[in-house]
Amino acid sequence: MVPFAPEYRNNRIPATYINGRSTWRGPPDRKEMLQHLPNKTVTEYIAVIAHRYRFALLTDAIEPVERANTDSDFGDWRPLRLDRPPFSARGAMIFNYFPQNDSHFWKNGVFLLLEAT
């Protein structure tokens, strides 16, 4: 299980195993979760999602760009651009939106991930 997200546990959604490690698979309607995972785990999730679904909409913060795609530990935060290295996922950024947290606005992006070929 992802240790920082116990509120998303759901007995109807079993854990899956990626590279021999149990990870939370979560329902497909969760947003802004990948930005809290290490790059290796993000890459593993992208591969699983791309093989399981024809397409998926993935949402994460995309700015500040100078921190995008830097590696992090579980539970940390950094913006993600899935269309850029080290991910270079098959798909496109299709929409931006601006959630507000107190007095700060974030720039988030919606990435359309296409199925694996």
PDB file of N, CA and C in Angstrom:
ATOM      1  N   MET A   1       0.843  -1.181   0.000  1.00  0.00           N
ATOM      2  CA  MET A   1       0.000   0.000   0.000  1.00  0.00           C
ATOM      3  C   MET A   1       0.886   1.240   0.000  1.00  0.00           C
ATOM      4  N   VAL A   2       0.425   2.279  -0.658  1.00  0.00           N
ATOM      5  CA  VAL A   2       1.136   3.546  -0.608  1.00  0.00           C
ATOM      6  C   VAL A   2       0.955   4.104   0.793  1.00  0.00           C
ATOM      7  N   PRO A   3       2.041   4.294   1.534  1.00  0.00           N
ATOM      8  CA  PRO A   3       1.906   4.601   2.964  1.00  0.00           C
ATOM      9  C   PRO A   3       1.281   5.951   3.272  1.00  0.00           C
ATOM     10  N   PHE A   4       1.279   6.900   2.360  1.00  0.00           N
ATOM     11  CA  PHE A   4       0.792   8.234   2.670  1.00  0.00           C
ATOM     12  C   PHE A   4      -0.652   8.453   2.260  1.00  0.00           C
ATOM     13  N   ALA A   5      -1.319   7.454   1.729  1.00  0.00           N
ATOM     14  CA  ALA A   5      -2.684   7.658   1.243  1.00  0.00           C
ATOM     15  C   ALA A   5      -3.658   6.622   1.795  1.00  0.00           C
ATOM     16  N   PRO A   6      -3.706   6.408   3.117  1.00  0.00           N
ATOM     17  CA  PRO A   6      -4.610   5.385   3.647  1.00  0.00           C
ATOM     18  C   PRO A   6      -6.076   5.721   3.420  1.00  0.00           C
ATOM     19  N   GLU A   7      -6.408   7.000   3.252  1.00  0.00           N
ATOM     20  CA  GLU A   7      -7.811   7.352   3.057  1.00  0.00           C
ATOM     21  C   GLU A   7      -8.359   6.857   1.724  1.00  0.00           C
ATOM     22  N   TYR A   8      -7.481   6.407   0.819  1.00  0.00           N
ATOM     23  CA  TYR A   8      -7.938   5.928  -0.482  1.00  0.00           C
ATOM     24  C   TYR A   8      -8.051   4.415  -0.544  1.00  0.00           C
ATOM     25  N   ARG A   9      -7.748   3.753   0.548  1.00  0.00           N
ATOM     26  CA  ARG A   9      -7.871   2.297   0.534  1.00  0.00           C
ATOM     27  C   ARG A   9      -9.323   1.894   0.331  1.00  0.00           C
ATOM     28  N   ASN A  10      -9.507   0.840  -0.416  1.00  0.00           N
ATOM     29  CA  ASN A  10     -10.852   0.368  -0.712  1.00  0.00           C
ATOM     30  C   ASN A  10     -10.773  -1.148  -0.820  1.00  0.00           C
ATOM     31  N   ASN A  11     -11.488  -1.839   0.028  1.00  0.00           N
ATOM     32  CA  ASN A  11     -11.407  -3.298   0.035  1.00  0.00           C
ATOM     33  C   ASN A  11     -11.841  -3.920  -1.281  1.00  0.00           C
ATOM     34  N   ARG A  12     -12.585  -3.205  -2.086  1.00  0.00           N
ATOM     35  CA  ARG A  12     -13.021  -3.736  -3.377  1.00  0.00           C
ATOM     36  C   ARG A  12     -11.942  -3.599  -4.443  1.00  0.00           C
ATOM     37  N   ILE A  13     -10.874  -2.864  -4.157  1.00  0.00           N
ATOM     38  CA  ILE A  13      -9.820  -2.637  -5.139  1.00  0.00           C
ATOM     39  C   ILE A  13      -8.536  -3.242  -4.596  1.00  0.00           C
ATOM     40  N   PRO A  14      -8.165  -4.417  -5.111  1.00  0.00           N
ATOM     41  CA  PRO A  14      -7.011  -5.106  -4.549  1.00  0.00           C
ATOM     42  C   PRO A  14      -5.695  -4.417  -4.906  1.00  0.00           C
ATOM     43  N   ALA A  15      -4.690  -4.655  -4.081  1.00  0.00           N
ATOM     44  CA  ALA A  15      -3.343  -4.173  -4.398  1.00  0.00           C
ATOM     45  C   ALA A  15      -2.815  -4.978  -5.576  1.00  0.00           C
ATOM     46  N   THR A  16      -1.913  -4.399  -6.296  1.00  0.00           N
ATOM     47  CA  THR A  16      -1.249  -5.099  -7.387  1.00  0.00           C
ATOM     48  C   THR A  16       0.235  -5.172  -7.064  1.00  0.00           C
ATOM     49  N   TYR A  17       0.963  -5.974  -7.755  1.00  0.00           N
ATOM     50  CA  TYR A  17       2.390  -6.118  -7.505  1.00  0.00           C
ATOM     51  C   TYR A  17       3.161  -5.677  -8.734  1.00  0.00           C
ATOM     52  N   ILE A  18       4.065  -4.727  -8.542  1.00  0.00           N
ATOM     53  CA  ILE A  18       4.931  -4.233  -9.604  1.00  0.00           C
ATOM     54  C   ILE A  18       6.357  -4.475  -9.166  1.00  0.00           C
ATOM     55  N   ASN A  19       7.109  -5.202  -9.971  1.00  0.00           N
ATOM     56  CA  ASN A  19       8.499  -5.538  -9.632  1.00  0.00           C
ATOM     57  C   ASN A  19       8.606  -6.157  -8.243  1.00  0.00           C
ATOM     58  N   GLY A  20       7.673  -7.039  -7.917  1.00  0.00           N
ATOM     59  CA  GLY A  20       7.729  -7.771  -6.664  1.00  0.00           C
ATOM     60  C   GLY A  20       7.340  -6.983  -5.430  1.00  0.00           C
ATOM     61  N   ARG A  21       6.871  -5.753  -5.595  1.00  0.00           N
ATOM     62  CA  ARG A  21       6.504  -4.936  -4.438  1.00  0.00           C
ATOM     63  C   ARG A  21       5.018  -4.620  -4.503  1.00  0.00           C
ATOM     64  N   SER A  22       4.339  -4.743  -3.382  1.00  0.00           N
ATOM     65  CA  SER A  22       2.921  -4.436  -3.342  1.00  0.00           C
ATOM     66  C   SER A  22       2.715  -2.933  -3.437  1.00  0.00           C
ATOM     67  N   THR A  23       1.841  -2.506  -4.324  1.00  0.00           N
ATOM     68  CA  THR A  23       1.525  -1.093  -4.456  1.00  0.00           C
ATOM     69  C   THR A  23       0.029  -0.927  -4.559  1.00  0.00           C
ATOM     70  N   TRP A  24      -0.430   0.219  -4.152  1.00  0.00           N
ATOM     71  CA  TRP A  24      -1.851   0.519  -4.208  1.00  0.00           C
ATOM     72  C   TRP A  24      -2.244   0.801  -5.646  1.00  0.00           C
ATOM     73  N   ARG A  25      -3.276   0.146  -6.123  1.00  0.00           N
ATOM     74  CA  ARG A  25      -3.715   0.305  -7.504  1.00  0.00           C
ATOM     75  C   ARG A  25      -4.757   1.402  -7.625  1.00  0.00           C
ATOM     76  N   GLY A  26      -5.552   1.574  -6.617  1.00  0.00           N
ATOM     77  CA  GLY A  26      -6.489   2.682  -6.551  1.00  0.00           C
ATOM     78  C   GLY A  26      -7.531   2.725  -7.639  1.00  0.00           C
ATOM     79  N   PRO A  27      -8.647   3.367  -7.352  1.00  0.00           N
ATOM     80  CA  PRO A  27      -9.678   3.514  -8.369  1.00  0.00           C
ATOM     81  C   PRO A  27      -9.213   4.476  -9.457  1.00  0.00           C
ATOM     82  N   PRO A  28      -9.737   4.339 -10.675  1.00  0.00           N
ATOM     83  CA  PRO A  28      -9.261   5.163 -11.781  1.00  0.00           C
ATOM     84  C   PRO A  28      -9.702   6.617 -11.718  1.00  0.00           C
ATOM     85  N   ASP A  29     -10.469   7.012 -10.717  1.00  0.00           N
ATOM     86  CA  ASP A  29     -10.939   8.392 -10.662  1.00  0.00           C
ATOM     87  C   ASP A  29     -10.141   9.255  -9.671  1.00  0.00           C
ATOM     88  N   ARG A  30      -9.001   8.796  -9.220  1.00  0.00           N
ATOM     89  CA  ARG A  30      -8.165   9.595  -8.328  1.00  0.00           C
ATOM     90  C   ARG A  30      -7.297  10.520  -9.167  1.00  0.00           C
ATOM     91  N   LYS A  31      -7.061  11.728  -8.666  1.00  0.00           N
ATOM     92  CA  LYS A  31      -6.242  12.671  -9.409  1.00  0.00           C
ATOM     93  C   LYS A  31      -5.108  13.188  -8.551  1.00  0.00           C
ATOM     94  N   GLU A  32      -4.093  13.669  -9.220  1.00  0.00           N
ATOM     95  CA  GLU A  32      -2.959  14.311  -8.572  1.00  0.00           C
ATOM     96  C   GLU A  32      -2.265  13.405  -7.555  1.00  0.00           C
ATOM     97  N   MET A  33      -2.120  12.137  -7.878  1.00  0.00           N
ATOM     98  CA  MET A  33      -1.441  11.198  -6.989  1.00  0.00           C
ATOM     99  C   MET A  33      -0.029  10.881  -7.464  1.00  0.00           C
ATOM    100  N   LEU A  34       0.191  10.810  -8.777  1.00  0.00           N
ATOM    101  CA  LEU A  34       1.504  10.414  -9.282  1.00  0.00           C
ATOM    102  C   LEU A  34       2.597  11.385  -8.863  1.00  0.00           C
ATOM    103  N   GLN A  35       2.259  12.643  -8.699  1.00  0.00           N
ATOM    104  CA  GLN A  35       3.260  13.651  -8.343  1.00  0.00           C
ATOM    105  C   GLN A  35       3.845  13.428  -6.953  1.00  0.00           C
ATOM    106  N   HIS A  36       3.273  12.504  -6.187  1.00  0.00           N
ATOM    107  CA  HIS A  36       3.761  12.196  -4.840  1.00  0.00           C
ATOM    108  C   HIS A  36       4.551  10.889  -4.790  1.00  0.00           C
ATOM    109  N   LEU A  37       4.874  10.331  -5.952  1.00  0.00           N
ATOM    110  CA  LEU A  37       5.578   9.047  -6.021  1.00  0.00           C
ATOM    111  C   LEU A  37       6.941   9.205  -6.684  1.00  0.00           C
ATOM    112  N   PRO A  38       7.910   8.336  -6.352  1.00  0.00           N
ATOM    113  CA  PRO A  38       9.209   8.374  -7.020  1.00  0.00           C
ATOM    114  C   PRO A  38       9.074   8.092  -8.521  1.00  0.00           C
ATOM    115  N   ASN A  39      10.023   8.581  -9.297  1.00  0.00           N
ATOM    116  CA  ASN A  39       9.969   8.410 -10.754  1.00  0.00           C
ATOM    117  C   ASN A  39       9.866   6.949 -11.176  1.00  0.00           C
ATOM    118  N   LYS A  40      10.592   6.061 -10.501  1.00  0.00           N
ATOM    119  CA  LYS A  40      10.540   4.637 -10.849  1.00  0.00           C
ATOM    120  C   LYS A  40       9.116   4.100 -10.689  1.00  0.00           C
ATOM    121  N   THR A  41       8.455   4.485  -9.612  1.00  0.00           N
ATOM    122  CA  THR A  41       7.090   4.023  -9.369  1.00  0.00           C
ATOM    123  C   THR A  41       6.119   4.652 -10.362  1.00  0.00           C
ATOM    124  N   VAL A  42       6.307   5.932 -10.696  1.00  0.00           N
ATOM    125  CA  VAL A  42       5.472   6.585 -11.710  1.00  0.00           C
ATOM    126  C   VAL A  42       5.593   5.838 -13.034  1.00  0.00           C
ATOM    127  N   THR A  43       6.819   5.494 -13.416  1.00  0.00           N
ATOM    128  CA  THR A  43       7.049   4.758 -14.661  1.00  0.00           C
ATOM    129  C   THR A  43       6.332   3.415 -14.636  1.00  0.00           C
ATOM    130  N   GLU A  44       6.361   2.724 -13.500  1.00  0.00           N
ATOM    131  CA  GLU A  44       5.674   1.435 -13.367  1.00  0.00           C
ATOM    132  C   GLU A  44       4.158   1.606 -13.488  1.00  0.00           C
ATOM    133  N   TYR A  45       3.617   2.614 -12.845  1.00  0.00           N
ATOM    134  CA  TYR A  45       2.175   2.870 -12.930  1.00  0.00           C
ATOM    135  C   TYR A  45       1.760   3.203 -14.362  1.00  0.00           C
ATOM    136  N   ILE A  46       2.535   4.045 -15.036  1.00  0.00           N
ATOM    137  CA  ILE A  46       2.213   4.400 -16.429  1.00  0.00           C
ATOM    138  C   ILE A  46       2.158   3.152 -17.287  1.00  0.00           C
ATOM    139  N   ALA A  47       3.117   2.251 -17.110  1.00  0.00           N
ATOM    140  CA  ALA A  47       3.136   1.011 -17.895  1.00  0.00           C
ATOM    141  C   ALA A  47       1.893   0.158 -17.622  1.00  0.00           C
ATOM    142  N   VAL A  48       1.524   0.030 -16.354  1.00  0.00           N
ATOM    143  CA  VAL A  48       0.342  -0.771 -15.999  1.00  0.00           C
ATOM    144  C   VAL A  48      -0.930  -0.130 -16.570  1.00  0.00           C
ATOM    145  N   ILE A  49      -1.078   1.163 -16.392  1.00  0.00           N
ATOM    146  CA  ILE A  49      -2.273   1.863 -16.887  1.00  0.00           C
ATOM    147  C   ILE A  49      -2.357   1.769 -18.403  1.00  0.00           C
ATOM    148  N   ALA A  50      -1.230   1.971 -19.095  1.00  0.00           N
ATOM    149  CA  ALA A  50      -1.224   1.937 -20.564  1.00  0.00           C
ATOM    150  C   ALA A  50      -1.544   0.553 -21.108  1.00  0.00           C
ATOM    151  N   HIS A  51      -1.233  -0.502 -20.360  1.00  0.00           N
ATOM    152  CA  HIS A  51      -1.568  -1.857 -20.807  1.00  0.00           C
ATOM    153  C   HIS A  51      -2.995  -2.246 -20.432  1.00  0.00           C
ATOM    154  N   ARG A  52      -3.522  -1.644 -19.389  1.00  0.00           N
ATOM    155  CA  ARG A  52      -4.841  -2.022 -18.895  1.00  0.00           C
ATOM    156  C   ARG A  52      -5.973  -1.249 -19.571  1.00  0.00           C
ATOM    157  N   TYR A  53      -5.719   0.007 -19.950  1.00  0.00           N
ATOM    158  CA  TYR A  53      -6.779   0.852 -20.485  1.00  0.00           C
ATOM    159  C   TYR A  53      -6.437   1.362 -21.879  1.00  0.00           C
ATOM    160  N   ARG A  54      -7.449   1.564 -22.678  1.00  0.00           N
ATOM    161  CA  ARG A  54      -7.251   2.111 -24.020  1.00  0.00           C
ATOM    162  C   ARG A  54      -6.727   3.535 -23.958  1.00  0.00           C
ATOM    163  N   PHE A  55      -7.252   4.302 -23.020  1.00  0.00           N
ATOM    164  CA  PHE A  55      -6.734   5.633 -22.738  1.00  0.00           C
ATOM    165  C   PHE A  55      -7.061   5.989 -21.298  1.00  0.00           C
ATOM    166  N   ALA A  56      -6.327   6.952 -20.751  1.00  0.00           N
ATOM    167  CA  ALA A  56      -6.555   7.404 -19.374  1.00  0.00           C
ATOM    168  C   ALA A  56      -6.230   8.882 -19.297  1.00  0.00           C
ATOM    169  N   LEU A  57      -6.950   9.592 -18.446  1.00  0.00           N
ATOM    170  CA  LEU A  57      -6.657  10.990 -18.173  1.00  0.00           C
ATOM    171  C   LEU A  57      -5.945  11.057 -16.836  1.00  0.00           C
ATOM    172  N   LEU A  58      -4.730  11.595 -16.848  1.00  0.00           N
ATOM    173  CA  LEU A  58      -3.911  11.695 -15.648  1.00  0.00           C
ATOM    174  C   LEU A  58      -3.685  13.165 -15.334  1.00  0.00           C
ATOM    175  N   THR A  59      -3.954  13.556 -14.105  1.00  0.00           N
ATOM    176  CA  THR A  59      -3.820  14.969 -13.728  1.00  0.00           C
ATOM    177  C   THR A  59      -2.765  15.134 -12.654  1.00  0.00           C
ATOM    178  N   ASP A  60      -1.921  16.126 -12.856  1.00  0.00           N
ATOM    179  CA  ASP A  60      -0.891  16.472 -11.886  1.00  0.00           C
ATOM    180  C   ASP A  60      -0.495  17.923 -12.080  1.00  0.00           C
ATOM    181  N   ALA A  61       0.164  18.492 -11.078  1.00  0.00           N
ATOM    182  CA  ALA A  61       0.735  19.830 -11.217  1.00  0.00           C
ATOM    183  C   ALA A  61       1.811  19.781 -12.300  1.00  0.00           C
ATOM    184  N   ILE A  62       1.936  20.852 -13.079  1.00  0.00           N
ATOM    185  CA  ILE A  62       2.943  20.878 -14.141  1.00  0.00           C
ATOM    186  C   ILE A  62       3.933  22.032 -13.984  1.00  0.00           C
ATOM    187  N   GLU A  63       3.747  22.861 -12.978  1.00  0.00           N
ATOM    188  CA  GLU A  63       4.689  23.957 -12.713  1.00  0.00           C
ATOM    189  C   GLU A  63       4.991  23.994 -11.231  1.00  0.00           C
ATOM    190  N   PRO A  64       6.152  24.491 -10.826  1.00  0.00           N
ATOM    191  CA  PRO A  64       7.161  25.191 -11.615  1.00  0.00           C
ATOM    192  C   PRO A  64       7.974  24.228 -12.480  1.00  0.00           C
ATOM    193  N   VAL A  65       8.201  24.623 -13.725  1.00  0.00           N
ATOM    194  CA  VAL A  65       8.835  23.743 -14.705  1.00  0.00           C
ATOM    195  C   VAL A  65      10.245  23.338 -14.307  1.00  0.00           C
ATOM    196  N   GLU A  66      10.953  24.183 -13.575  1.00  0.00           N
ATOM    197  CA  GLU A  66      12.330  23.833 -13.194  1.00  0.00           C
ATOM    198  C   GLU A  66      12.390  22.661 -12.216  1.00  0.00           C
ATOM    199  N   ARG A  67      11.279  22.330 -11.577  1.00  0.00           N
ATOM    200  CA  ARG A  67      11.227  21.165 -10.674  1.00  0.00           C
ATOM    201  C   ARG A  67      10.552  19.960 -11.304  1.00  0.00           C
ATOM    202  N   ALA A  68      10.010  20.130 -12.503  1.00  0.00           N
ATOM    203  CA  ALA A  68       9.252  19.052 -13.148  1.00  0.00           C
ATOM    204  C   ALA A  68      10.119  17.818 -13.370  1.00  0.00           C
ATOM    205  N   ASN A  69       9.569  16.669 -12.997  1.00  0.00           N
ATOM    206  CA  ASN A  69      10.147  15.347 -13.219  1.00  0.00           C
ATOM    207  C   ASN A  69      11.427  15.082 -12.430  1.00  0.00           C
ATOM    208  N   THR A  70      11.749  15.935 -11.461  1.00  0.00           N
ATOM    209  CA  THR A  70      12.858  15.596 -10.579  1.00  0.00           C
ATOM    210  C   THR A  70      12.417  14.416  -9.724  1.00  0.00           C
ATOM    211  N   ASP A  71      13.334  13.558  -9.355  1.00  0.00           N
ATOM    212  CA  ASP A  71      12.956  12.382  -8.571  1.00  0.00           C
ATOM    213  C   ASP A  71      12.612  12.799  -7.154  1.00  0.00           C
ATOM    214  N   SER A  72      11.762  12.030  -6.504  1.00  0.00           N
ATOM    215  CA  SER A  72      11.350  12.332  -5.142  1.00  0.00           C
ATOM    216  C   SER A  72      11.102  11.042  -4.382  1.00  0.00           C
ATOM    217  N   ASP A  73      10.915  11.158  -3.100  1.00  0.00           N
ATOM    218  CA  ASP A  73      10.565  10.018  -2.254  1.00  0.00           C
ATOM    219  C   ASP A  73       9.051   9.898  -2.173  1.00  0.00           C
ATOM    220  N   PHE A  74       8.564   8.751  -1.691  1.00  0.00           N
ATOM    221  CA  PHE A  74       7.134   8.572  -1.476  1.00  0.00           C
ATOM    222  C   PHE A  74       6.616   9.684  -0.573  1.00  0.00           C
ATOM    223  N   GLY A  75       5.536  10.320  -0.977  1.00  0.00           N
ATOM    224  CA  GLY A  75       4.898  11.351  -0.177  1.00  0.00           C
ATOM    225  C   GLY A  75       5.395  12.752  -0.443  1.00  0.00           C
ATOM    226  N   ASP A  76       6.551  12.889  -1.085  1.00  0.00           N
ATOM    227  CA  ASP A  76       7.041  14.224  -1.449  1.00  0.00           C
ATOM    228  C   ASP A  76       6.223  14.763  -2.613  1.00  0.00           C
ATOM    229  N   TRP A  77       6.567  15.950  -3.053  1.00  0.00           N
ATOM    230  CA  TRP A  77       5.827  16.569  -4.158  1.00  0.00           C
ATOM    231  C   TRP A  77       6.792  17.208  -5.141  1.00  0.00           C
ATOM    232  N   ARG A  78       6.456  17.103  -6.404  1.00  0.00           N
ATOM    233  CA  ARG A  78       7.077  17.867  -7.471  1.00  0.00           C
ATOM    234  C   ARG A  78       6.137  17.794  -8.664  1.00  0.00           C
ATOM    235  N   PRO A  79       6.195  18.794  -9.572  1.00  0.00           N
ATOM    236  CA  PRO A  79       5.336  18.740 -10.746  1.00  0.00           C
ATOM    237  C   PRO A  79       5.783  17.645 -11.705  1.00  0.00           C
ATOM    238  N   LEU A  80       4.832  17.140 -12.481  1.00  0.00           N
ATOM    239  CA  LEU A  80       5.136  16.096 -13.461  1.00  0.00           C
ATOM    240  C   LEU A  80       4.714  16.528 -14.852  1.00  0.00           C
ATOM    241  N   ARG A  81       5.565  16.244 -15.811  1.00  0.00           N
ATOM    242  CA  ARG A  81       5.237  16.369 -17.234  1.00  0.00           C
ATOM    243  C   ARG A  81       5.474  14.996 -17.830  1.00  0.00           C
ATOM    244  N   LEU A  82       4.405  14.229 -17.963  1.00  0.00           N
ATOM    245  CA  LEU A  82       4.529  12.843 -18.409  1.00  0.00           C
ATOM    246  C   LEU A  82       4.962  12.726 -19.864  1.00  0.00           C
ATOM    247  N   ASP A  83       4.825  13.829 -20.628  1.00  0.00           N
ATOM    248  CA  ASP A  83       5.242  13.817 -22.028  1.00  0.00           C
ATOM    249  C   ASP A  83       6.739  14.068 -22.195  1.00  0.00           C
ATOM    250  N   ARG A  84       7.442  14.318 -21.097  1.00  0.00           N
ATOM    251  CA  ARG A  84       8.876  14.632 -21.149  1.00  0.00           C
ATOM    252  C   ARG A  84       9.683  13.576 -20.392  1.00  0.00           C
ATOM    253  N   PRO A  85      11.006  13.487 -20.689  1.00  0.00           N
ATOM    254  CA  PRO A  85      11.854  12.524 -19.972  1.00  0.00           C
ATOM    255  C   PRO A  85      11.826  12.792 -18.470  1.00  0.00           C
ATOM    256  N   PRO A  86      11.934  11.785 -17.642  1.00  0.00           N
ATOM    257  CA  PRO A  86      12.301  10.410 -17.987  1.00  0.00           C
ATOM    258  C   PRO A  86      11.116   9.536 -18.383  1.00  0.00           C
ATOM    259  N   PHE A  87       9.913  10.090 -18.444  1.00  0.00           N
ATOM    260  CA  PHE A  87       8.721   9.289 -18.734  1.00  0.00           C
ATOM    261  C   PHE A  87       8.454   9.166 -20.233  1.00  0.00           C
ATOM    262  N   SER A  88       8.400  10.271 -20.925  1.00  0.00           N
ATOM    263  CA  SER A  88       8.128  10.297 -22.367  1.00  0.00           C
ATOM    264  C   SER A  88       6.967   9.371 -22.728  1.00  0.00           C
ATOM    265  N   ALA A  89       5.883   9.499 -21.965  1.00  0.00           N
ATOM    266  CA  ALA A  89       4.721   8.639 -22.153  1.00  0.00           C
ATOM    267  C   ALA A  89       4.026   8.952 -23.478  1.00  0.00           C
ATOM    268  N   ARG A  90       3.383   7.936 -24.025  1.00  0.00           N
ATOM    269  CA  ARG A  90       2.658   8.070 -25.288  1.00  0.00           C
ATOM    270  C   ARG A  90       1.332   8.774 -25.009  1.00  0.00           C
ATOM    271  N   GLY A  91       1.177   9.981 -25.530  1.00  0.00           N
ATOM    272  CA  GLY A  91      -0.035  10.750 -25.306  1.00  0.00           C
ATOM    273  C   GLY A  91       0.248  12.225 -25.459  1.00  0.00           C
ATOM    274  N   ALA A  92      -0.621  13.052 -24.885  1.00  0.00           N
ATOM    275  CA  ALA A  92      -0.477  14.503 -25.037  1.00  0.00           C
ATOM    276  C   ALA A  92      -1.131  15.227 -23.870  1.00  0.00           C
ATOM    277  N   MET A  93      -0.580  16.394 -23.554  1.00  0.00           N
ATOM    278  CA  MET A  93      -1.199  17.293 -22.588  1.00  0.00           C
ATOM    279  C   MET A  93      -2.378  17.950 -23.302  1.00  0.00           C
ATOM    280  N   ILE A  94      -3.596  17.792 -22.770  1.00  0.00           N
ATOM    281  CA  ILE A  94      -4.773  18.259 -23.502  1.00  0.00           C
ATOM    282  C   ILE A  94      -5.529  19.400 -22.822  1.00  0.00           C
ATOM    283  N   PHE A  95      -5.193  19.677 -21.559  1.00  0.00           N
ATOM    284  CA  PHE A  95      -5.977  20.679 -20.852  1.00  0.00           C
ATOM    285  C   PHE A  95      -5.189  21.157 -19.638  1.00  0.00           C
ATOM    286  N   ASN A  96      -5.323  22.423 -19.293  1.00  0.00           N
ATOM    287  CA  ASN A  96      -4.754  22.973 -18.065  1.00  0.00           C
ATOM    288  C   ASN A  96      -5.882  23.533 -17.200  1.00  0.00           C
ATOM    289  N   TYR A  97      -5.713  23.455 -15.902  1.00  0.00           N
ATOM    290  CA  TYR A  97      -6.668  24.064 -14.980  1.00  0.00           C
ATOM    291  C   TYR A  97      -5.895  24.600 -13.784  1.00  0.00           C
ATOM    292  N   PHE A  98      -6.523  25.453 -13.001  1.00  0.00           N
ATOM    293  CA  PHE A  98      -5.829  26.208 -11.967  1.00  0.00           C
ATOM    294  C   PHE A  98      -6.535  26.081 -10.618  1.00  0.00           C
ATOM    295  N   PRO A  99      -6.255  24.995  -9.878  1.00  0.00           N
ATOM    296  CA  PRO A  99      -6.855  24.868  -8.543  1.00  0.00           C
ATOM    297  C   PRO A  99      -6.230  25.871  -7.585  1.00  0.00           C
ATOM    298  N   GLN A 100      -6.998  26.236  -6.573  1.00  0.00           N
ATOM    299  CA  GLN A 100      -6.527  27.205  -5.587  1.00  0.00           C
ATOM    300  C   GLN A 100      -6.394  26.543  -4.227  1.00  0.00           C
ATOM    301  N   ASN A 101      -5.304  26.857  -3.537  1.00  0.00           N
ATOM    302  CA  ASN A 101      -5.071  26.396  -2.178  1.00  0.00           C
ATOM    303  C   ASN A 101      -4.779  27.634  -1.347  1.00  0.00           C
ATOM    304  N   ASP A 102      -5.719  28.054  -0.522  1.00  0.00           N
ATOM    305  CA  ASP A 102      -5.622  29.314   0.219  1.00  0.00           C
ATOM    306  C   ASP A 102      -5.419  30.452  -0.778  1.00  0.00           C
ATOM    307  N   SER A 103      -4.263  31.109  -0.729  1.00  0.00           N
ATOM    308  CA  SER A 103      -4.041  32.238  -1.631  1.00  0.00           C
ATOM    309  C   SER A 103      -3.162  31.868  -2.823  1.00  0.00           C
ATOM    310  N   HIS A 104      -2.841  30.587  -2.976  1.00  0.00           N
ATOM    311  CA  HIS A 104      -1.948  30.159  -4.056  1.00  0.00           C
ATOM    312  C   HIS A 104      -2.732  29.427  -5.145  1.00  0.00           C
ATOM    313  N   PHE A 105      -2.453  29.771  -6.394  1.00  0.00           N
ATOM    314  CA  PHE A 105      -3.011  29.052  -7.538  1.00  0.00           C
ATOM    315  C   PHE A 105      -1.948  28.121  -8.096  1.00  0.00           C
ATOM    316  N   TRP A 106      -2.328  26.899  -8.402  1.00  0.00           N
ATOM    317  CA  TRP A 106      -1.438  25.917  -9.011  1.00  0.00           C
ATOM    318  C   TRP A 106      -1.793  25.795 -10.483  1.00  0.00           C
ATOM    319  N   LYS A 107      -0.833  25.468 -11.305  1.00  0.00           N
ATOM    320  CA  LYS A 107      -1.124  25.152 -12.706  1.00  0.00           C
ATOM    321  C   LYS A 107      -1.023  23.644 -12.853  1.00  0.00           C
ATOM    322  N   ASN A 108      -2.154  23.027 -13.122  1.00  0.00           N
ATOM    323  CA  ASN A 108      -2.216  21.587 -13.296  1.00  0.00           C
ATOM    324  C   ASN A 108      -2.525  21.257 -14.746  1.00  0.00           C
ATOM    325  N   GLY A 109      -2.099  20.082 -15.148  1.00  0.00           N
ATOM    326  CA  GLY A 109      -2.345  19.638 -16.504  1.00  0.00           C
ATOM    327  C   GLY A 109      -3.059  18.303 -16.531  1.00  0.00           C
ATOM    328  N   VAL A 110      -3.806  18.080 -17.595  1.00  0.00           N
ATOM    329  CA  VAL A 110      -4.467  16.809 -17.841  1.00  0.00           C
ATOM    330  C   VAL A 110      -3.746  16.170 -19.019  1.00  0.00           C
ATOM    331  N   PHE A 111      -3.176  14.994 -18.778  1.00  0.00           N
ATOM    332  CA  PHE A 111      -2.427  14.259 -19.786  1.00  0.00           C
ATOM    333  C   PHE A 111      -3.280  13.107 -20.276  1.00  0.00           C
ATOM    334  N   LEU A 112      -3.470  13.012 -21.578  1.00  0.00           N
ATOM    335  CA  LEU A 112      -4.190  11.885 -22.192  1.00  0.00           C
ATOM    336  C   LEU A 112      -3.172  10.794 -22.488  1.00  0.00           C
ATOM    337  N   LEU A 113      -3.186   9.739 -21.682  1.00  0.00           N
ATOM    338  CA  LEU A 113      -2.276   8.608 -21.868  1.00  0.00           C
ATOM    339  C   LEU A 113      -2.945   7.612 -22.801  1.00  0.00           C
ATOM    340  N   LEU A 114      -2.244   7.216 -23.843  1.00  0.00           N
ATOM    341  CA  LEU A 114      -2.766   6.258 -24.809  1.00  0.00           C
ATOM    342  C   LEU A 114      -2.294   4.853 -24.478  1.00  0.00           C
ATOM    343  N   GLU A 115      -3.059   3.857 -24.909  1.00  0.00           N
ATOM    344  CA  GLU A 115      -2.721   2.472 -24.615  1.00  0.00           C
ATOM    345  C   GLU A 115      -1.369   2.114 -25.223  1.00  0.00           C
ATOM    346  N   ALA A 116      -0.730   1.133 -24.605  1.00  0.00           N
ATOM    347  CA  ALA A 116       0.561   0.659 -25.104  1.00  0.00           C
ATOM    348  C   ALA A 116       0.368  -0.006 -26.458  1.00  0.00           C
ATOM    349  N   THR A 117       1.337   0.167 -27.305  1.00  0.00           N
ATOM    350  CA  THR A 117       1.251  -0.445 -28.651  1.00  0.00           C
ATOM    351  C   THR A 117       1.921  -1.787 -28.685  1.00  0.00           C
TER     352      THR A 117
END
